[in-house]
Structure formats: C-alpha cells, structure tokens
C-alpha atoms as a PDB file:
ATOM      1  CA  MET A   1      33.761 -10.710  -1.611  1.00  0.00           C
ATOM      2  CA  GLU A   2      36.988  -8.686  -3.556  1.00  0.00           C
ATOM      3  CA  LEU A   3      39.796  -8.623  -1.339  1.00  0.00           C
ATOM      4  CA  ARG A   4      42.120  -5.457  -2.254  1.00  0.00           C
ATOM      5  CA  ILE A   5      45.347  -5.400  -0.459  1.00  0.00           C
ATOM      6  CA  LEU A   6      46.403  -1.901   0.379  1.00  0.00           C
ATOM      7  CA  GLY A   7      49.843  -2.371   2.692  1.00  0.00           C
ATOM      8  CA  CYS A   8      51.108  -5.715   3.944  1.00  0.00           C
ATOM      9  CA  HIS A   9      54.453  -4.501   5.521  1.00  0.00           C
ATOM     10  CA  SER A  10      55.826  -4.545   8.930  1.00  0.00           C
ATOM     11  CA  ALA A  11      56.479  -1.360  10.662  1.00  0.00           C
ATOM     12  CA  THR A  12      60.143   0.268   9.075  1.00  0.00           C
ATOM     13  CA  PRO A  13      59.178   2.026   6.041  1.00  0.00           C
ATOM     14  CA  LYS A  14      60.943   0.814   2.504  1.00  0.00           C
ATOM     15  CA  PRO A  15      59.967   2.468  -0.869  1.00  0.00           C
ATOM     16  CA  GLY A  16      57.103   1.234  -2.899  1.00  0.00           C
ATOM     17  CA  GLU A  17      55.621  -0.427   0.895  1.00  0.00           C
ATOM     18  CA  PHE A  18      53.064   0.295   2.987  1.00  0.00           C
ATOM     19  CA  PRO A  19      52.057  -0.688   6.121  1.00  0.00           C
ATOM     20  CA  THR A  20      48.898  -2.744   6.830  1.00  0.00           C
ATOM     21  CA  SER A  21      45.519  -2.019   5.385  1.00  0.00           C
ATOM     22  CA  GLN A  22      43.250  -3.315   3.507  1.00  0.00           C
ATOM     23  CA  ALA A  23      39.874  -2.865   1.599  1.00  0.00           C
ATOM     24  CA  LEU A  24      37.220  -5.656   1.497  1.00  0.00           C
ATOM     25  CA  LEU A  25      34.089  -5.423  -0.775  1.00  0.00           C
ATOM     26  CA  LEU A  26      31.158  -7.157  -0.063  1.00  0.00           C
ATOM     27  CA  GLU A  27      27.196  -6.167  -0.818  1.00  0.00           C
ATOM     28  CA  ASN A  28      28.111  -2.746  -2.521  1.00  0.00           C
ATOM     29  CA  GLN A  29      30.300  -2.087  -0.052  1.00  0.00           C
ATOM     30  CA  TRP A  30      33.726  -1.671   1.192  1.00  0.00           C
ATOM     31  CA  LEU A  31      34.756  -2.611   4.753  1.00  0.00           C
ATOM     32  CA  ILE A  32      38.325  -1.525   5.922  1.00  0.00           C
ATOM     33  CA  LEU A  33      40.380  -3.394   7.856  1.00  0.00           C
ATOM     34  CA  ASP A  34      43.449  -1.174   9.693  1.00  0.00           C
ATOM     35  CA  ALA A  35      44.557   1.518   8.750  1.00  0.00           C
ATOM     36  CA  GLY A  36      48.535   2.134   8.336  1.00  0.00           C
ATOM     37  CA  GLU A  37      50.265   5.186   6.729  1.00  0.00           C
ATOM     38  CA  GLY A  38      49.529   5.702   3.423  1.00  0.00           C
ATOM     39  CA  MET A  39      45.762   4.082   3.163  1.00  0.00           C
ATOM     40  CA  GLN A  40      43.819   7.060   1.329  1.00  0.00           C
ATOM     41  CA  MET A  41      46.561   7.266  -0.894  1.00  0.00           C
ATOM     42  CA  GLN A  42      46.002   3.486  -1.718  1.00  0.00           C
ATOM     43  CA  LEU A  43      42.338   3.699  -1.648  1.00  0.00           C
ATOM     44  CA  ARG A  44      42.755   6.485  -4.458  1.00  0.00           C
ATOM     45  CA  ARG A  45      45.172   4.450  -6.572  1.00  0.00           C
ATOM     46  CA  TYR A  46      43.219   1.005  -6.930  1.00  0.00           C
ATOM     47  CA  GLY A  47      39.910   2.898  -7.213  1.00  0.00           C
ATOM     48  CA  VAL A  48      38.247   2.249  -3.881  1.00  0.00           C
ATOM     49  CA  LYS A  49      35.517   5.168  -3.579  1.00  0.00           C
ATOM     50  CA  PHE A  50      35.312   6.564  -0.645  1.00  0.00           C
ATOM     51  CA  SER A  51      31.602   6.998  -0.833  1.00  0.00           C
ATOM     52  CA  ARG A  52      31.560   3.426  -0.316  1.00  0.00           C
ATOM     53  CA  ILE A  53      33.110   3.004   2.576  1.00  0.00           C
ATOM     54  CA  LYS A  54      30.727   2.478   5.515  1.00  0.00           C
ATOM     55  CA  HIS A  55      32.626   0.567   8.421  1.00  0.00           C
ATOM     56  CA  ILE A  56      36.370   0.557   9.685  1.00  0.00           C
ATOM     57  CA  PHE A  57      38.014  -1.968  11.360  1.00  0.00           C
ATOM     58  CA  ILE A  58      41.257  -1.320  13.722  1.00  0.00           C
ATOM     59  CA  SER A  59      42.850  -4.386  14.907  1.00  0.00           C
ATOM     60  CA  HIS A  60      44.992  -2.632  17.222  1.00  0.00           C
ATOM     61  CA  LEU A  61      46.368   0.455  18.269  1.00  0.00           C
ATOM     62  CA  HIS A  62      50.450   0.249  17.087  1.00  0.00           C
ATOM     63  CA  GLY A  63      51.174   2.650  14.621  1.00  0.00           C
ATOM     64  CA  ASP A  64      51.433   0.642  11.321  1.00  0.00           C
ATOM     65  CA  HIS A  65      47.886  -0.285  12.009  1.00  0.00           C
ATOM     66  CA  LEU A  66      46.717   2.731  12.638  1.00  0.00           C
ATOM     67  CA  TYR A  67      48.764   5.939  11.602  1.00  0.00           C
ATOM     68  CA  GLY A  68      46.571   6.815   8.254  1.00  0.00           C
ATOM     69  CA  LEU A  69      43.186   7.021  10.055  1.00  0.00           C
ATOM     70  CA  PHE A  70      43.145  10.280  11.302  1.00  0.00           C
ATOM     71  CA  GLY A  71      44.075  11.461   7.627  1.00  0.00           C
ATOM     72  CA  PHE A  72      41.074   9.804   6.124  1.00  0.00           C
ATOM     73  CA  LEU A  73      38.567  10.302   8.622  1.00  0.00           C
ATOM     74  CA  SER A  74      39.801  14.427   8.024  1.00  0.00           C
ATOM     75  CA  THR A  75      39.587  14.239   4.406  1.00  0.00           C
ATOM     76  CA  LEU A  76      35.991  12.658   4.570  1.00  0.00           C
ATOM     77  CA  ARG A  77      35.427  16.150   6.162  1.00  0.00           C
ATOM     78  CA  LEU A  78      36.900  17.936   3.589  1.00  0.00           C
ATOM     79  CA  LEU A  79      34.984  15.865   0.741  1.00  0.00           C
ATOM     80  CA  GLY A  80      31.826  17.122   2.689  1.00  0.00           C
ATOM     81  CA  ARG A  81      30.655  13.568   3.774  1.00  0.00           C
ATOM     82  CA  VAL A  82      27.590  13.523   5.337  1.00  0.00           C
ATOM     83  CA  THR A  83      26.423  10.436   5.653  1.00  0.00           C
ATOM     84  CA  GLU A  84      27.424   7.909   9.139  1.00  0.00           C
ATOM     85  CA  LEU A  85      30.702   5.892   8.996  1.00  0.00           C
ATOM     86  CA  HIS A  86      31.029   3.478  11.669  1.00  0.00           C
ATOM     87  CA  LEU A  87      34.418   2.555  13.080  1.00  0.00           C
ATOM     88  CA  TYR A  88      35.356  -0.348  15.716  1.00  0.00           C
ATOM     89  CA  ALA A  89      38.764  -0.332  17.505  1.00  0.00           C
ATOM     90  CA  PRO A  90      40.053  -1.255  20.933  1.00  0.00           C
ATOM     91  CA  GLU A  91      38.477   1.523  23.425  1.00  0.00           C
ATOM     92  CA  ASP A  92      41.526   4.011  24.089  1.00  0.00           C
ATOM     93  CA  LEU A  93      40.961   5.295  20.523  1.00  0.00           C
ATOM     94  CA  ASP A  94      38.148   6.942  21.097  1.00  0.00           C
ATOM     95  CA  GLU A  95      39.738   9.639  23.769  1.00  0.00           C
ATOM     96  CA  ALA A  96      43.071   9.673  21.000  1.00  0.00           C
ATOM     97  CA  LEU A  97      40.181  10.912  18.304  1.00  0.00           C
ATOM     98  CA  LYS A  98      38.864  13.306  20.655  1.00  0.00           C
ATOM     99  CA  THR A  99      42.361  14.966  21.604  1.00  0.00           C
ATOM    100  CA  LEU A 100      43.525  15.183  18.053  1.00  0.00           C
ATOM    101  CA  PHE A 101      40.384  16.603  16.549  1.00  0.00           C
ATOM    102  CA  LYS A 102      40.292  19.045  19.699  1.00  0.00           C
ATOM    103  CA  ILE A 103      43.824  20.609  18.975  1.00  0.00           C
ATOM    104  CA  SER A 104      43.318  20.224  15.016  1.00  0.00           C
ATOM    105  CA  GLN A 105      40.469  22.288  15.846  1.00  0.00           C
ATOM    106  CA  VAL A 106      38.554  19.760  13.135  1.00  0.00           C
ATOM    107  CA  GLU A 107      35.031  19.343  13.340  1.00  0.00           C
ATOM    108  CA  LEU A 108      33.464  16.573  11.477  1.00  0.00           C
ATOM    109  CA  THR A 109      30.695  16.889   8.965  1.00  0.00           C
ATOM    110  CA  TYR A 110      28.945  13.293   9.371  1.00  0.00           C
ATOM    111  CA  PRO A 111      28.091  11.397  12.123  1.00  0.00           C
ATOM    112  CA  LEU A 112      31.244   9.165  13.321  1.00  0.00           C
ATOM    113  CA  PHE A 113      30.010   5.908  15.542  1.00  0.00           C
ATOM    114  CA  PHE A 114      32.501   4.403  17.839  1.00  0.00           C
ATOM    115  CA  HIS A 115      32.231   1.057  18.742  1.00  0.00           C
ATOM    116  CA  PRO A 116      34.622   0.190  21.442  1.00  0.00           C
ATOM    117  CA  LEU A 117      36.041  -3.353  21.329  1.00  0.00           C
ATOM    118  CA  LYS A 118      37.391  -4.557  25.087  1.00  0.00           C
ATOM    119  CA  SER A 119      36.197  -8.039  25.138  1.00  0.00           C
ATOM    120  CA  ASN A 120      39.030 -11.063  24.931  1.00  0.00           C
ATOM    121  CA  ALA A 121      36.679 -13.564  23.953  1.00  0.00           C
ATOM    122  CA  PRO A 122      34.880 -13.656  20.329  1.00  0.00           C
ATOM    123  CA  GLU A 123      31.760 -11.430  20.034  1.00  0.00           C
ATOM    124  CA  VAL A 124      29.918 -10.374  16.814  1.00  0.00           C
ATOM    125  CA  ILE A 125      30.381  -6.572  16.405  1.00  0.00           C
ATOM    126  CA  LEU A 126      28.319  -5.990  13.605  1.00  0.00           C
ATOM    127  CA  ASN A 127      25.401  -7.792  12.149  1.00  0.00           C
ATOM    128  CA  ASN A 128      23.177  -7.104   9.316  1.00  0.00           C
ATOM    129  CA  GLU A 129      20.588  -9.104   6.972  1.00  0.00           C
ATOM    130  CA  LYS A 130      23.742  -9.438   4.128  1.00  0.00           C
ATOM    131  CA  PHE A 131      26.898 -10.156   6.789  1.00  0.00           C
ATOM    132  CA  SER A 132      28.788 -10.542  10.185  1.00  0.00           C
ATOM    133  CA  VAL A 133      31.736  -9.754  11.632  1.00  0.00           C
ATOM    134  CA  ARG A 134      33.489 -10.754  14.757  1.00  0.00           C
ATOM    135  CA  THR A 135      36.221 -10.548  16.723  1.00  0.00           C
ATOM    136  CA  ILE A 136      39.043 -12.890  16.865  1.00  0.00           C
ATOM    137  CA  PRO A 137      41.208 -12.570  19.935  1.00  0.00           C
ATOM    138  CA  LEU A 138      44.962 -12.547  19.179  1.00  0.00           C
ATOM    139  CA  LEU A 139      48.548 -12.713  21.153  1.00  0.00           C
ATOM    140  CA  HIS A 140      50.119  -9.557  21.005  1.00  0.00           C
ATOM    141  CA  ARG A 141      52.224  -7.202  22.758  1.00  0.00           C
ATOM    142  CA  ILE A 142      49.076  -5.047  23.348  1.00  0.00           C
ATOM    143  CA  TYR A 143      45.386  -5.566  23.317  1.00  0.00           C
ATOM    144  CA  THR A 144      44.776  -6.599  19.732  1.00  0.00           C
ATOM    145  CA  ASN A 145      41.873  -8.682  17.655  1.00  0.00           C
ATOM    146  CA  GLY A 146      41.603 -10.253  14.124  1.00  0.00           C
ATOM    147  CA  PHE A 147      38.099 -10.189  12.445  1.00  0.00           C
ATOM    148  CA  LEU A 148      36.159 -12.829  10.846  1.00  0.00           C
ATOM    149  CA  ILE A 149      33.856 -11.572   7.730  1.00  0.00           C
ATOM    150  CA  GLU A 150      30.886 -14.003   7.171  1.00  0.00           C
ATOM    151  CA  GLU A 151      28.438 -13.909   4.355  1.00  0.00           C
ATOM    152  CA  LYS A 152      24.589 -15.016   5.529  1.00  0.00           C
ATOM    153  CA  PRO A 153      23.028 -17.292   3.343  1.00  0.00           C
ATOM    154  CA  LYS A 154      21.400 -16.332   0.098  1.00  0.00           C
ATOM    155  CA  PRO A 155      17.865 -17.001  -1.101  1.00  0.00           C
ATOM    156  CA  ARG A 156      17.614 -20.171  -3.373  1.00  0.00           C
ATOM    157  CA  LYS A 157      17.636 -19.170  -6.914  1.00  0.00           C
ATOM    158  CA  ILE A 158      14.757 -20.219  -9.405  1.00  0.00           C
ATOM    159  CA  ASN A 159      15.454 -23.127 -11.747  1.00  0.00           C
ATOM    160  CA  LYS A 160      13.523 -21.730 -14.976  1.00  0.00           C
ATOM    161  CA  GLU A 161      14.050 -25.090 -16.683  1.00  0.00           C
ATOM    162  CA  ALA A 162      11.573 -26.631 -13.843  1.00  0.00           C
ATOM    163  CA  LEU A 163       9.455 -23.800 -14.189  1.00  0.00           C
ATOM    164  CA  ASN A 164       8.881 -24.561 -17.606  1.00  0.00           C
ATOM    165  CA  GLN A 165       6.842 -27.407 -16.709  1.00  0.00           C
ATOM    166  CA  TYR A 166       3.980 -25.698 -14.474  1.00  0.00           C
ATOM    167  CA  PRO A 167       3.538 -22.905 -17.269  1.00  0.00           C
ATOM    168  CA  GLY A 168       0.186 -21.544 -14.837  1.00  0.00           C
ATOM    169  CA  LEU A 169       2.678 -20.094 -12.480  1.00  0.00           C
ATOM    170  CA  GLU A 170       2.413 -15.925 -11.356  1.00  0.00           C
ATOM    171  CA  SER A 171       4.501 -13.821 -10.322  1.00  0.00           C
ATOM    172  CA  TRP A 172       3.500 -14.507  -7.037  1.00  0.00           C
ATOM    173  CA  ALA A 173       5.169 -17.891  -6.995  1.00  0.00           C
ATOM    174  CA  TYR A 174       8.458 -17.106  -7.768  1.00  0.00           C
ATOM    175  CA  HIS A 175       8.021 -14.843  -4.661  1.00  0.00           C
ATOM    176  CA  LEU A 176       7.484 -17.677  -2.351  1.00  0.00           C
ATOM    177  CA  LEU A 177      10.343 -20.152  -3.850  1.00  0.00           C
ATOM    178  CA  LYS A 178      12.881 -17.193  -3.002  1.00  0.00           C
ATOM    179  CA  GLN A 179      11.772 -17.468   0.444  1.00  0.00           C
ATOM    180  CA  GLY A 180      11.760 -21.230   0.430  1.00  0.00           C
ATOM    181  CA  LYS A 181       8.102 -22.397   0.382  1.00  0.00           C
ATOM    182  CA  ASP A 182       6.507 -24.864  -1.545  1.00  0.00           C
ATOM    183  CA  ILE A 183       4.289 -23.928  -4.273  1.00  0.00           C
ATOM    184  CA  THR A 184       0.617 -25.272  -4.117  1.00  0.00           C
ATOM    185  CA  LEU A 185      -1.109 -25.483  -7.714  1.00  0.00           C
ATOM    186  CA  GLU A 186      -4.775 -24.420  -8.266  1.00  0.00           C
ATOM    187  CA  ASP A 187      -5.595 -28.418  -8.576  1.00  0.00           C
ATOM    188  CA  GLY A 188      -4.306 -28.865  -4.625  1.00  0.00           C
ATOM    189  CA  ARG A 189      -1.339 -30.884  -5.708  1.00  0.00           C
ATOM    190  CA  VAL A 190       2.251 -29.397  -3.793  1.00  0.00           C
ATOM    191  CA  ILE A 191       5.059 -28.510  -5.537  1.00  0.00           C
ATOM    192  CA  PRO A 192       8.298 -28.841  -3.340  1.00  0.00           C
ATOM    193  CA  ASN A 193      10.558 -25.356  -3.336  1.00  0.00           C
ATOM    194  CA  GLU A 194      13.195 -27.891  -3.921  1.00  0.00           C
ATOM    195  CA  GLU A 195      11.612 -29.165  -7.727  1.00  0.00           C
ATOM    196  CA  LEU A 196      11.554 -25.700  -8.487  1.00  0.00           C
ATOM    197  CA  THR A 197      14.710 -23.995  -7.350  1.00  0.00           C
ATOM    198  CA  LEU A 198      18.534 -24.599  -7.002  1.00  0.00           C
ATOM    199  CA  PRO A 199      20.682 -24.200  -4.250  1.00  0.00           C
ATOM    200  CA  PRO A 200      22.430 -21.078  -3.530  1.00  0.00           C
ATOM    201  CA  PRO A 201      26.531 -20.730  -3.499  1.00  0.00           C
ATOM    202  CA  PRO A 202      27.423 -21.494  -0.137  1.00  0.00           C
ATOM    203  CA  PRO A 203      28.571 -18.385   2.050  1.00  0.00           C
ATOM    204  CA  LYS A 204      31.992 -16.681   1.670  1.00  0.00           C
ATOM    205  CA  LYS A 205      34.158 -16.014   4.896  1.00  0.00           C
ATOM    206  CA  TYR A 206      36.827 -14.121   5.408  1.00  0.00           C
ATOM    207  CA  ALA A 207      39.538 -14.217   8.277  1.00  0.00           C
ATOM    208  CA  TYR A 208      41.935 -11.699   9.352  1.00  0.00           C
ATOM    209  CA  CYS A 209      44.886 -12.385  11.744  1.00  0.00           C
ATOM    210  CA  THR A 210      47.357  -9.929  12.056  1.00  0.00           C
ATOM    211  CA  ASP A 211      50.002  -8.971  14.591  1.00  0.00           C
ATOM    212  CA  THR A 212      50.208 -11.858  16.852  1.00  0.00           C
ATOM    213  CA  LYS A 213      52.217 -15.239  18.125  1.00  0.00           C
ATOM    214  CA  TYR A 214      51.045 -18.782  17.156  1.00  0.00           C
ATOM    215  CA  HIS A 215      47.903 -18.833  18.646  1.00  0.00           C
ATOM    216  CA  PRO A 216      46.238 -22.290  17.765  1.00  0.00           C
ATOM    217  CA  ASP A 217      43.036 -21.214  20.137  1.00  0.00           C
ATOM    218  CA  ILE A 218      42.102 -19.384  16.860  1.00  0.00           C
ATOM    219  CA  VAL A 219      41.414 -22.453  14.388  1.00  0.00           C
ATOM    220  CA  PRO A 220      37.493 -23.172  15.779  1.00  0.00           C
ATOM    221  CA  ILE A 221      36.769 -19.487  14.826  1.00  0.00           C
ATOM    222  CA  ILE A 222      38.385 -19.621  11.482  1.00  0.00           C
ATOM    223  CA  GLN A 223      37.533 -23.006  10.558  1.00  0.00           C
ATOM    224  CA  GLY A 224      36.551 -23.501   6.830  1.00  0.00           C
ATOM    225  CA  ALA A 225      37.628 -20.064   5.746  1.00  0.00           C
ATOM    226  CA  ASP A 226      37.374 -19.274   1.821  1.00  0.00           C
ATOM    227  CA  VAL A 227      40.913 -16.861   2.921  1.00  0.00           C
ATOM    228  CA  LEU A 228      43.072 -16.686   5.835  1.00  0.00           C
ATOM    229  CA  TYR A 229      45.166 -13.762   5.815  1.00  0.00           C
ATOM    230  CA  HIS A 230      47.633 -14.307   8.691  1.00  0.00           C
ATOM    231  CA  GLU A 231      50.917 -12.320   9.609  1.00  0.00           C
ATOM    232  CA  ALA A 232      54.456 -13.646   8.525  1.00  0.00           C
ATOM    233  CA  THR A 233      56.739 -11.237  10.011  1.00  0.00           C
ATOM    234  CA  PHE A 234      59.736 -13.820  10.392  1.00  0.00           C
ATOM    235  CA  ALA A 235      61.242 -17.018   8.775  1.00  0.00           C
ATOM    236  CA  GLU A 236      61.568 -19.743  11.120  1.00  0.00           C
ATOM    237  CA  THR A 237      65.475 -19.106  11.524  1.00  0.00           C
ATOM    238  CA  GLU A 238      64.142 -16.126  13.390  1.00  0.00           C
ATOM    239  CA  LYS A 239      61.308 -17.960  15.730  1.00  0.00           C
ATOM    240  CA  ASP A 240      62.840 -16.863  18.982  1.00  0.00           C
ATOM    241  CA  LEU A 241      62.300 -13.243  17.491  1.00  0.00           C
ATOM    242  CA  ALA A 242      59.221 -14.044  16.542  1.00  0.00           C
ATOM    243  CA  GLU A 243      58.258 -15.145  20.054  1.00  0.00           C
ATOM    244  CA  GLN A 244      59.880 -11.994  22.302  1.00  0.00           C
ATOM    245  CA  THR A 245      58.117  -9.814  19.888  1.00  0.00           C
ATOM    246  CA  PHE A 246      54.716 -11.659  19.716  1.00  0.00           C
ATOM    247  CA  HIS A 247      54.835 -12.521  16.173  1.00  0.00           C
ATOM    248  CA  SER A 248      54.639 -15.592  13.824  1.00  0.00           C
ATOM    249  CA  THR A 249      56.324 -17.420  11.543  1.00  0.00           C
ATOM    250  CA  ALA A 250      55.549 -18.516   7.936  1.00  0.00           C
ATOM    251  CA  LYS A 251      55.863 -21.989   9.187  1.00  0.00           C
ATOM    252  CA  GLN A 252      53.293 -21.204  12.025  1.00  0.00           C
ATOM    253  CA  ALA A 253      51.201 -19.112   9.751  1.00  0.00           C
ATOM    254  CA  ALA A 254      50.456 -22.202   7.240  1.00  0.00           C
ATOM    255  CA  MET A 255      50.131 -24.405  10.489  1.00  0.00           C
ATOM    256  CA  ILE A 256      46.872 -22.497  11.645  1.00  0.00           C
ATOM    257  CA  ALA A 257      45.985 -22.513   8.022  1.00  0.00           C
ATOM    258  CA  LYS A 258      46.403 -26.718   7.970  1.00  0.00           C
ATOM    259  CA  GLU A 259      44.570 -26.934  11.438  1.00  0.00           C
ATOM    260  CA  ALA A 260      41.914 -24.810  10.522  1.00  0.00           C
ATOM    261  CA  GLY A 261      40.873 -26.307   6.981  1.00  0.00           C
ATOM    262  CA  VAL A 262      40.894 -23.229   5.042  1.00  0.00           C
ATOM    263  CA  LYS A 263      40.976 -22.875   1.349  1.00  0.00           C
ATOM    264  CA  LYS A 264      43.611 -20.256   0.661  1.00  0.00           C
ATOM    265  CA  LEU A 265      46.110 -18.296   3.031  1.00  0.00           C
ATOM    266  CA  ILE A 266      47.399 -14.952   2.612  1.00  0.00           C
ATOM    267  CA  ILE A 267      51.134 -14.059   4.144  1.00  0.00           C
ATOM    268  CA  GLY A 268      51.828 -10.525   4.923  1.00  0.00           C
ATOM    269  CA  HIS A 269      53.318  -8.180   7.490  1.00  0.00           C
ATOM    270  CA  PHE A 270      56.496  -8.838   6.518  1.00  0.00           C
ATOM    271  CA  SER A 271      60.033  -7.727   8.092  1.00  0.00           C
ATOM    272  CA  SER A 272      61.621  -5.365   6.139  1.00  0.00           C
ATOM    273  CA  ARG A 273      65.162  -7.433   6.539  1.00  0.00           C
ATOM    274  CA  TYR A 274      63.624 -10.134   4.275  1.00  0.00           C
ATOM    275  CA  ARG A 275      64.467  -9.019   0.474  1.00  0.00           C
ATOM    276  CA  ASP A 276      63.220 -11.782  -1.130  1.00  0.00           C
ATOM    277  CA  LEU A 277      60.047 -13.046   0.328  1.00  0.00           C
ATOM    278  CA  ASN A 278      60.309 -16.483  -1.394  1.00  0.00           C
ATOM    279  CA  ILE A 279      61.878 -17.672   1.599  1.00  0.00           C
ATOM    280  CA  LEU A 280      58.531 -16.719   3.545  1.00  0.00           C
ATOM    281  CA  LEU A 281      56.763 -18.359   0.968  1.00  0.00           C
ATOM    282  CA  GLU A 282      58.344 -21.531   0.558  1.00  0.00           C
ATOM    283  CA  GLU A 283      58.517 -22.264   3.790  1.00  0.00           C
ATOM    284  CA  ALA A 284      54.583 -21.626   4.504  1.00  0.00           C
ATOM    285  CA  ARG A 285      54.077 -23.616   1.269  1.00  0.00           C
ATOM    286  CA  SER A 286      56.023 -26.679   2.747  1.00  0.00           C
ATOM    287  CA  ILE A 287      53.267 -27.180   4.759  1.00  0.00           C
ATOM    288  CA  PHE A 288      50.296 -25.741   3.377  1.00  0.00           C
ATOM    289  CA  PRO A 289      50.502 -25.425  -0.628  1.00  0.00           C
ATOM    290  CA  ALA A 290      47.618 -22.819  -1.312  1.00  0.00           C
ATOM    291  CA  THR A 291      49.651 -20.234   0.259  1.00  0.00           C
ATOM    292  CA  GLU A 292      50.086 -16.596  -1.845  1.00  0.00           C
ATOM    293  CA  LEU A 293      52.245 -14.043  -0.785  1.00  0.00           C
ATOM    294  CA  ALA A 294      51.014 -10.465  -0.322  1.00  0.00           C
ATOM    295  CA  PHE A 295      51.856  -7.195  -2.303  1.00  0.00           C
ATOM    296  CA  GLU A 296      50.581  -3.851  -2.788  1.00  0.00           C
ATOM    297  CA  GLY A 297      47.583  -4.030  -4.932  1.00  0.00           C
ATOM    298  CA  LYS A 298      47.217  -7.767  -5.128  1.00  0.00           C
ATOM    299  CA  GLN A 299      43.213  -8.476  -5.582  1.00  0.00           C
ATOM    300  CA  ILE A 300      41.650 -11.692  -4.457  1.00  0.00           C
ATOM    301  CA  VAL A 301      37.899 -12.336  -5.866  1.00  0.00           C
ATOM    302  CA  PHE A 302      36.111 -15.003  -4.316  1.00  0.00           C
END
C-alpha cells in the first residue's frame, strides 16, 4: 500500500494547508478517502492519475471532508471519463448530488454508482478478490464512519532453490503450487507444498479514523493495523473543548493506537490554533512512540 496525504487540517483555512483528503494506492488503483476543498488540485500536484480512481469514500457530510467532491466529479465529465466510479457515503449525499447536478445542468459522461451508508454497526462495503473495505463507526456530531482497508492474502511464492532439486517439474506444477496444492511426481512421491514454496508477506491493513471523540469501541475493529490515521484536533489542555465538539486529543489518539496494537500512528485534522504541531506530536509520543505528524504531500509506503 502507498498512502498520500492530500490534506490533514480542520475546517478553518490557512495558506498552504488543506482540509481532509487522502489517496491510497493498492492493486494498481487509487482509493480516495474524503474530499475536502482543493482535493483535485492536490491530486494533480502529487501525480495521482484521475483515471486510476475507481472508489471514493466519504466519512461524513461536513464541508471540510466533502466540498472538493463536487468539482472533482464535474472535472471527470470534462475529461470525458466513461469508466464507472463508485461513491460510498452517508445516504443524504445522494439527494444533494442530484440537486446540485440538476441546478448546474451537469450530465455525467460516466456511470456513478452511489452506495449509501446508514448502518451504525461495522459492515463490509467493498469486497473483491484483492482487498476489502469495511466501515468503522465513529462518534461525531453527525453520522460518521472511518474505513478499514485490508488486503486479501496473497498466494505463496515459488521457492526456486527448492525446485532445482526436482528438474523434471513442468510449468503445470508452478500453477498448482501457487494454489497451495502438493505435487505428485511420476514415481508417486508427494512433495508437500510448503517444501517448494515460501510464505507470502502478511496482508496489509490501513485504518482511517477521522472526526471522532475518544471511542475505544473501535479498538477491536482496527486491531493490529499496519498504519492508523487518527484525528488529533486538540492537545490535552483542550480536552473539554474536544469533548464538546466530538473530537479527540493527541493523547487520546495515542491511547487508541496503543490499545489496538497498531504498528504506526499518523495524527492529523489539526486545529488552526496550533502554530507548532510538535506540541501534539510530543503528547502522542509520550503514550505511543511510533507516532508521526500528517502533512500535505506526506507519502507512506507499507
């Protein structure tokens, strides 16, 4: 997986800082997670090809996670896109899009499939042979989900050194080995699959959790994630404000990461009140050392 941070700040704009949006590359396609203002400009800036975007996921319908979507969908029309696009978002967005397209007299050139989200329980919303996406119910002022993206297990790898001990094996054996099957030689001997193959790397798991108050219920869902992105709008000194606005502190984000046993924590969705974000970073690292700050353009390959 390759994660690209397009924007990681909260609603109040500042020069050079963008509201929430991310692009995640896996299996040769980009998934978009939220679409704050300026999202398509950031996609251009960091070389994300529009044609390789097939799925967009919107966590909730606050403007700093949504207002970049309308322009992007319209741009795809201007570019003559014909391949389908899938949008996963709270159900009310469907009516809003229809209204906007109607008053703007916009007719899309491509099929847009809307997948409404309304369940308060975790659910798998995308599942193919390569990866799956499930919702992570969050606690915010309005209906909100995070998203857990998980790779499917890959086939075992051929151990060429072990195969050299059996020079008579043909190409058909390679196919069977990748399927996890044993090999029967002409003399009747059975060679276990594990002798001729190597285990694949563990499937990767990315958890995206933005705009939520401290919510330990998500820990079992995101357990063991390779990377967790968790909002850290405030420092612990503004804990009461975080509670009132249904946001988290950097310390609380780190507590979630520690409880879930994730490998790396990225904090973001910073309030504009903090000129020095190291305040938030140090607070999180005091609980969970493997913490990094998000920033526009940040790239993480895992």
